[in-house]
């Protein structure tokens, strides 16, 4: 079975927002900021650290890279944002009603946004309309809003697209890391592409822990000024510190897994990867998440993305993401792939 995500919690959180007010934002300005949320102040934990706790999820319409039709434009016009917001509201209502087809909000399998058409957009539904923003891409640097791939990485990305869900499946190394239920890489955990995967942030004195819904990835980040431990890991070696109310996290010492297949080459890890993340709450339910990715084995220069992330209701639960097919059933995946190849 091909790896895709099923977020049961998406159906349980948030009601459909009908007639919502369109929020027009710039790169550093999101719907909730201290200037427009009356009397909001950054809460703190009992031991005095800024409180980032809760379940957070990316629910915006901004693509990672700037689409070609917006080349040279960092921002949409107010009218374009309003049009996007109106469409998202209509899609949300139609999805709740169960209508089928892209024109009414729920794409058929043949219209699936997922490579290989595993699931239609019902499985991608956030439970409420996505937010419309002015940014034309999450990437703000380089200024063209595009991933600065090396030539080798660009070729790897082309190969990944061509073989995704198709194979060949001749070795356990052939399925990508997600199909093997390992990880899709820490780079995307806070916003997870079209899925907008949930992340629960929990704090204790000296530590911030982030539990990612997909694969149940866990990041335990010391924030007491300690040093890196120097042990290579799948999710790297993270150390954080506070700059005012902003949590800054540097992650290095990733295991070199470039020889593995990755569904998205921009999330692959190597021993030269360095991530710097900034978590800043700008309102009771909004976080500005900034990530800078530096890896000379994949990119010609560091790149930075600014991502608006929303906090979900306090009673939101993250349910088990039981990704088991890629490990327990790997032998079946390989035998089926060989059988198909033999028939062809």
Protein backbone atom coordinates (compact mmCIF):
# COMPACT_ATOMS: atom_id res chain seq x y z
CA UNK A 1 0.00 0.00 0.00
CA UNK A 2 1.34 3.39 -0.91
CA UNK A 3 2.01 5.73 1.91
CA UNK A 4 -0.56 8.46 2.40
CA UNK A 5 -1.92 10.22 5.44
CA UNK A 6 -5.30 9.83 7.03
CA UNK A 7 -5.95 12.47 9.64
CA UNK A 8 -9.02 11.42 11.58
CA UNK A 9 -8.60 14.36 13.89
CA UNK A 10 -9.14 16.69 10.94
CA UNK A 11 -12.79 15.71 10.92
CA UNK A 12 -13.17 16.36 14.62
CA UNK A 13 -11.62 19.79 15.03
CA UNK A 14 -13.09 23.07 13.99
CA UNK A 15 -16.47 23.83 12.51
CA UNK A 16 -17.04 25.24 9.06
CA UNK A 17 -16.64 28.99 9.12
CA UNK A 18 -19.25 30.57 6.87
CA UNK A 19 -18.88 34.17 5.83
CA UNK A 20 -15.49 34.56 7.48
CA UNK A 21 -13.71 37.87 7.31
CA UNK A 22 -10.76 37.83 4.91
CA UNK A 23 -7.42 38.53 6.58
CA UNK A 24 -4.89 40.35 4.42
CA UNK A 25 -1.35 39.83 5.64
CA UNK A 26 2.23 40.56 4.67
CA UNK A 27 5.29 38.38 5.14
CA UNK A 28 5.67 39.19 8.85
CA UNK A 29 2.02 39.87 9.64
CA UNK A 30 -0.58 37.21 10.33
CA UNK A 31 -4.28 37.43 11.27
CA UNK A 32 -3.61 37.67 14.98
CA UNK A 33 -0.95 40.09 16.11
CA UNK A 34 -0.65 41.97 19.39
CA UNK A 35 -1.89 45.06 17.52
CA UNK A 36 -5.25 43.61 16.57
CA UNK A 37 -5.97 41.13 19.36
CA UNK A 38 -7.35 43.20 22.19
CA UNK A 39 -5.29 43.05 25.39
CA UNK A 40 -3.46 39.86 24.32
CA UNK A 41 -0.19 39.18 26.10
CA UNK A 42 2.22 36.31 25.66
CA UNK A 43 1.38 33.74 28.37
CA UNK A 44 4.16 32.13 30.37
CA UNK A 45 4.60 28.78 32.05
CA UNK A 46 4.73 28.40 35.83
CA UNK A 47 8.54 28.50 35.63
CA UNK A 48 8.59 31.66 33.50
CA UNK A 49 9.20 30.49 29.90
CA UNK A 50 6.96 31.76 27.08
CA UNK A 51 4.08 29.29 26.74
CA UNK A 52 3.91 27.65 23.29
CA UNK A 53 1.89 24.64 24.38
CA UNK A 54 -1.02 23.20 22.45
CA UNK A 55 -1.78 21.48 19.15
CA UNK A 56 -0.66 23.48 16.14
CA UNK A 57 -1.33 22.99 12.46
CA UNK A 58 -0.61 24.69 9.14
CA UNK A 59 -3.93 25.62 7.52
CA UNK A 60 -3.06 28.12 4.81
CA UNK A 61 -3.23 28.34 1.04
CA UNK A 62 0.39 29.45 0.58
CA UNK A 63 2.50 27.03 -1.49
CA UNK A 64 6.09 26.27 -0.52
CA UNK A 65 7.49 27.61 -3.80
CA UNK A 66 6.21 30.58 -5.79
CA UNK A 67 4.08 29.46 -8.75
CA UNK A 68 5.26 30.52 -12.20
CA UNK A 69 2.17 32.69 -12.70
CA UNK A 70 3.31 34.83 -9.76
CA UNK A 71 6.93 35.12 -10.82
CA UNK A 72 8.43 38.36 -9.57
CA UNK A 73 5.56 38.98 -7.12
CA UNK A 74 6.08 38.40 -3.39
CA UNK A 75 2.48 39.31 -2.52
CA UNK A 76 -1.01 38.99 -3.92
CA UNK A 77 -3.36 41.93 -4.15
CA UNK A 78 -6.18 42.36 -1.63
CA UNK A 79 -8.67 41.42 -4.34
CA UNK A 80 -6.80 38.19 -5.13
CA UNK A 81 -6.73 37.25 -1.45
CA UNK A 82 -10.47 37.88 -1.18
CA UNK A 83 -11.11 35.66 -4.21
CA UNK A 84 -9.03 32.84 -2.70
CA UNK A 85 -10.82 33.15 0.65
CA UNK A 86 -14.22 33.01 -1.03
CA UNK A 87 -13.28 29.87 -2.97
CA UNK A 88 -11.94 28.21 0.19
CA UNK A 89 -15.21 28.95 2.00
CA UNK A 90 -17.23 27.43 -0.84
CA UNK A 91 -15.00 24.36 -0.96
CA UNK A 92 -15.29 23.92 2.79
CA UNK A 93 -19.07 23.98 2.73
CA UNK A 94 -19.22 21.59 -0.24
CA UNK A 95 -16.80 19.15 1.33
CA UNK A 96 -18.89 19.04 4.49
CA UNK A 97 -21.92 18.26 2.35
CA UNK A 98 -20.00 15.40 0.71
CA UNK A 99 -20.23 16.70 -2.84
CA UNK A 100 -17.90 15.01 -5.29
CA UNK A 101 -15.79 16.66 -7.95
CA UNK A 102 -13.31 19.54 -7.93
CA UNK A 103 -15.92 22.05 -9.11
CA UNK A 104 -17.92 21.54 -5.92
CA UNK A 105 -15.06 21.00 -3.52
CA UNK A 106 -14.28 17.32 -3.19
CA UNK A 107 -11.99 16.01 -5.86
CA UNK A 108 -12.38 12.56 -7.35
CA UNK A 109 -9.46 10.13 -7.27
CA UNK A 110 -8.54 11.08 -10.83
CA UNK A 111 -8.35 14.71 -9.72
CA UNK A 112 -6.37 13.95 -6.56
CA UNK A 113 -3.69 16.48 -5.57
CA UNK A 114 -1.57 13.57 -4.34
CA UNK A 115 0.91 12.00 -6.73
CA UNK A 116 -0.49 8.58 -7.64
CA UNK A 117 -4.07 9.59 -6.75
CA UNK A 118 -4.14 7.54 -3.55
CA UNK A 119 -6.75 9.69 -1.81
CA UNK A 120 -9.15 12.35 -2.92
CA UNK A 121 -9.35 15.69 -1.13
CA UNK A 122 -11.76 14.31 1.49
CA UNK A 123 -8.72 12.87 3.25
CA UNK A 124 -6.92 16.19 3.02
CA UNK A 125 -9.78 18.16 4.54
CA UNK A 126 -8.80 20.37 7.50
CA UNK A 127 -12.28 20.55 9.02
CA UNK A 128 -12.58 24.23 8.20
CA UNK A 129 -11.70 26.62 5.42
CA UNK A 130 -8.02 27.27 4.89
CA UNK A 131 -6.71 30.76 5.60
CA UNK A 132 -5.86 33.05 2.68
CA UNK A 133 -2.71 35.15 2.89
CA UNK A 134 -0.89 37.62 0.69
CA UNK A 135 2.37 35.67 0.48
CA UNK A 136 2.79 34.01 -2.92
CA UNK A 137 5.19 31.46 -1.40
CA UNK A 138 6.27 30.30 2.01
CA UNK A 139 9.85 30.76 0.85
CA UNK A 140 10.88 34.39 1.27
CA UNK A 141 14.61 33.94 0.64
CA UNK A 142 15.89 33.60 -2.03
CA UNK A 143 13.73 36.44 -3.32
CA UNK A 144 12.41 34.39 -6.26
CA UNK A 145 10.60 32.12 -3.80
CA UNK A 146 12.08 28.95 -5.28
CA UNK A 147 14.17 26.13 -3.81
CA UNK A 148 17.83 26.66 -4.75
CA UNK A 149 18.60 23.05 -5.66
CA UNK A 150 22.03 21.88 -6.69
CA UNK A 151 22.02 20.13 -10.05
CA UNK A 152 22.37 16.75 -8.33
CA UNK A 153 19.39 17.48 -6.07
CA UNK A 154 17.32 18.68 -9.03
CA UNK A 155 17.96 15.41 -10.82
CA UNK A 156 17.08 13.50 -7.66
CA UNK A 157 13.79 15.43 -7.40
CA UNK A 158 12.94 14.56 -11.00
CA UNK A 159 13.73 10.91 -10.33
CA UNK A 160 11.61 10.94 -7.18
CA UNK A 161 8.57 12.28 -9.04
CA UNK A 162 8.98 9.71 -11.81
CA UNK A 163 9.23 6.69 -9.51
CA UNK A 164 6.82 7.73 -6.74
CA UNK A 165 4.28 4.93 -6.24
CA UNK A 166 5.63 3.18 -9.32
CA UNK A 167 8.99 1.79 -8.31
CA UNK A 168 11.01 -0.19 -9.15
CA UNK A 169 10.58 -2.12 -5.89
CA UNK A 170 13.50 -4.51 -6.00
CA UNK A 171 15.07 -3.70 -2.63
CA UNK A 172 14.03 -2.40 0.77
CA UNK A 173 15.85 0.79 -0.21
CA UNK A 174 13.53 1.45 -3.17
CA UNK A 175 10.41 2.70 -1.32
CA UNK A 176 10.91 6.22 0.00
CA UNK A 177 11.33 6.90 3.69
CA UNK A 178 7.65 7.75 4.10
CA UNK A 179 6.48 4.60 2.36
CA UNK A 180 8.72 2.72 4.78
CA UNK A 181 7.01 4.48 7.72
CA UNK A 182 10.30 5.99 8.87
CA UNK A 183 9.94 9.75 8.46
CA UNK A 184 9.49 12.44 5.84
CA UNK A 185 12.25 14.51 7.42
CA UNK A 186 12.21 17.03 10.24
CA UNK A 187 12.32 20.00 7.83
CA UNK A 188 8.59 19.73 7.10
CA UNK A 189 7.23 18.49 10.42
CA UNK A 190 5.75 21.81 11.56
CA UNK A 191 3.76 22.32 8.37
CA UNK A 192 3.85 19.05 6.39
CA UNK A 193 2.92 20.25 2.95
CA UNK A 194 -0.73 19.73 1.86
CA UNK A 195 -1.52 17.62 4.92
CA UNK A 196 -0.81 20.31 7.49
CA UNK A 197 0.08 17.63 10.05
CA UNK A 198 -0.70 18.26 13.70
CA UNK A 199 2.06 19.00 16.21
CA UNK A 200 1.57 18.93 19.96
CA UNK A 201 4.00 21.16 21.84
CA UNK A 202 4.58 20.27 25.49
CA UNK A 203 6.92 22.14 27.84
CA UNK A 204 8.68 21.28 31.07
CA UNK A 205 11.46 23.14 32.90
CA UNK A 206 14.43 23.18 30.55
CA UNK A 207 12.75 21.32 27.67
CA UNK A 208 10.33 21.76 24.79
CA UNK A 209 8.92 18.56 23.27
CA UNK A 210 7.20 18.44 19.88
CA UNK A 211 5.16 15.36 18.98
CA UNK A 212 4.36 15.18 15.28
CA UNK A 213 1.25 13.24 14.28
CA UNK A 214 2.80 11.57 11.28
CA UNK A 215 5.00 8.60 12.24
CA UNK A 216 4.73 9.87 15.83
CA UNK A 217 8.04 11.69 15.42
CA UNK A 218 9.20 13.20 18.71
CA UNK A 219 11.66 16.02 19.20
CA UNK A 220 12.92 16.62 22.75
CA UNK A 221 14.67 19.98 22.68
CA UNK A 222 16.75 21.23 25.64
CA UNK A 223 16.32 24.99 26.08
CA UNK A 224 18.64 25.49 29.04
CA UNK A 225 21.66 26.67 27.09
CA UNK A 226 23.25 23.24 26.72
CA UNK A 227 25.52 22.15 23.87
CA UNK A 228 24.93 19.69 21.04
CA UNK A 229 25.50 16.07 21.94
CA UNK A 230 27.21 15.17 18.67
CA UNK A 231 25.31 11.93 18.06
CA UNK A 232 23.94 11.64 14.48
CA UNK A 233 20.19 10.97 14.45
CA UNK A 234 17.32 10.79 11.95
CA UNK A 235 15.79 13.97 13.40
CA UNK A 236 19.12 15.57 14.20
CA UNK A 237 20.49 17.00 17.43
CA UNK A 238 18.44 20.01 18.53
CA UNK A 239 19.39 22.70 21.04
CA UNK A 240 17.18 25.71 21.77
CA UNK A 241 17.29 29.00 23.61
CA UNK A 242 14.93 31.92 24.20
CA UNK A 243 15.34 35.30 22.56
CA UNK A 244 12.70 37.30 24.36
CA UNK A 245 9.42 35.47 23.68
CA UNK A 246 10.84 33.62 20.64
CA UNK A 247 12.14 30.06 20.84
CA UNK A 248 15.19 29.62 18.59
CA UNK A 249 16.23 26.04 17.79
CA UNK A 250 19.39 24.95 15.98
CA UNK A 251 19.50 21.37 14.71
CA UNK A 252 22.63 19.68 13.35
CA UNK A 253 24.19 16.19 13.49
CA UNK A 254 21.73 14.52 11.15
CA UNK A 255 22.38 10.96 10.05
CA UNK A 256 23.54 10.92 6.45
CA UNK A 257 20.57 9.33 4.65
CA UNK A 258 21.02 10.86 1.20
CA UNK A 259 21.30 7.40 -0.38
CA UNK A 260 17.72 6.66 0.72
CA UNK A 261 14.75 7.51 -1.48
CA UNK A 262 12.84 10.64 -0.38
CA UNK A 263 9.40 11.63 -1.63
CA UNK A 264 10.45 15.29 -1.35
CA UNK A 265 14.13 15.94 -1.92
CA UNK A 266 13.97 19.24 -0.01
CA UNK A 267 13.27 17.27 3.19
CA UNK A 268 16.12 14.76 2.84
CA UNK A 269 18.83 14.76 5.48
CA UNK A 270 22.60 14.67 5.23
CA UNK A 271 25.53 15.13 7.56
CA UNK A 272 25.88 18.74 6.39
CA UNK A 273 22.25 19.79 7.05
CA UNK A 274 21.72 22.64 9.53
CA UNK A 275 18.29 23.95 10.49
CA UNK A 276 17.51 27.11 12.43
CA UNK A 277 13.88 27.47 13.53
CA UNK A 278 12.12 30.37 15.26
CA UNK A 279 8.81 29.86 17.07
CA UNK A 280 7.01 33.10 17.92
CA UNK A 281 3.41 33.42 19.04
CA UNK A 282 1.84 36.55 17.59
CA UNK A 283 -1.63 36.04 19.05
CA UNK A 284 -3.64 33.58 21.17
CA UNK A 285 -4.06 31.17 18.27
CA UNK A 286 -1.37 32.10 15.76
CA UNK A 287 2.32 31.32 15.57
CA UNK A 288 4.89 32.71 13.15
CA UNK A 289 7.22 29.84 12.38
CA UNK A 290 10.42 30.66 10.50
CA UNK A 291 12.85 28.04 9.27
CA UNK A 292 16.22 28.46 7.57
CA UNK A 293 17.62 25.39 5.80
CA UNK A 294 21.33 25.19 5.05
CA UNK A 295 22.70 22.09 3.35
CA UNK A 296 25.36 22.44 0.63
CA UNK A 297 24.78 18.84 -0.44
CA UNK A 298 21.25 19.71 -1.55
CA UNK A 299 21.09 23.49 -2.01
CA UNK A 300 23.35 26.09 -3.59
CA UNK A 301 22.52 28.52 -0.77
CA UNK A 302 20.50 28.59 2.48
CA UNK A 303 16.77 29.23 2.07
CA UNK A 304 14.19 30.60 4.50
CA UNK A 305 10.45 30.08 4.78
CA UNK A 306 7.97 31.96 6.99
CA UNK A 307 4.95 29.85 7.89
CA UNK A 308 1.71 30.89 9.67
CA UNK A 309 0.56 28.10 12.00
CA UNK A 310 -2.77 28.00 13.85
CA UNK A 311 -3.49 26.68 17.32
CA UNK A 312 -6.39 24.24 17.53
CA UNK A 313 -8.97 24.04 20.36
CA UNK A 314 -7.73 22.83 23.74
CA UNK A 315 -9.69 19.57 23.48
CA UNK A 316 -8.00 18.57 20.20
CA UNK A 317 -6.62 15.04 20.30
CA UNK A 318 -3.84 13.60 18.16
CA UNK A 319 -4.80 10.04 17.36
CA UNK A 320 -2.42 7.21 16.60
CA UNK A 321 -0.88 7.42 13.15
CA UNK A 322 -0.60 3.67 12.60
CA UNK A 323 1.83 3.60 9.73
CA UNK A 324 2.67 -0.08 9.63
CA UNK A 325 2.48 -1.15 6.00
CA UNK A 326 5.98 0.07 5.18
CA UNK A 327 7.72 -1.97 7.84
CA UNK A 328 5.62 -5.07 8.66
CA UNK A 329 4.43 -5.48 5.07
CA UNK A 330 7.62 -4.50 3.26
CA UNK A 331 8.13 -8.05 1.97
CA UNK A 332 4.64 -7.94 0.43
CA UNK A 333 5.35 -4.57 -1.18
CA UNK A 334 8.50 -5.94 -2.77
CA UNK A 335 6.94 -9.21 -3.94
CA UNK A 336 3.96 -7.37 -5.42
CA UNK A 337 6.28 -4.93 -7.18
CA UNK A 338 8.27 -7.79 -8.68
CA UNK A 339 5.09 -9.54 -9.77
CA UNK A 340 3.84 -6.44 -11.55
CA UNK A 341 7.23 -5.94 -13.20
CA UNK A 342 7.21 -9.57 -14.40
CA UNK A 343 3.74 -9.18 -15.91
CA UNK A 344 4.84 -6.10 -17.82
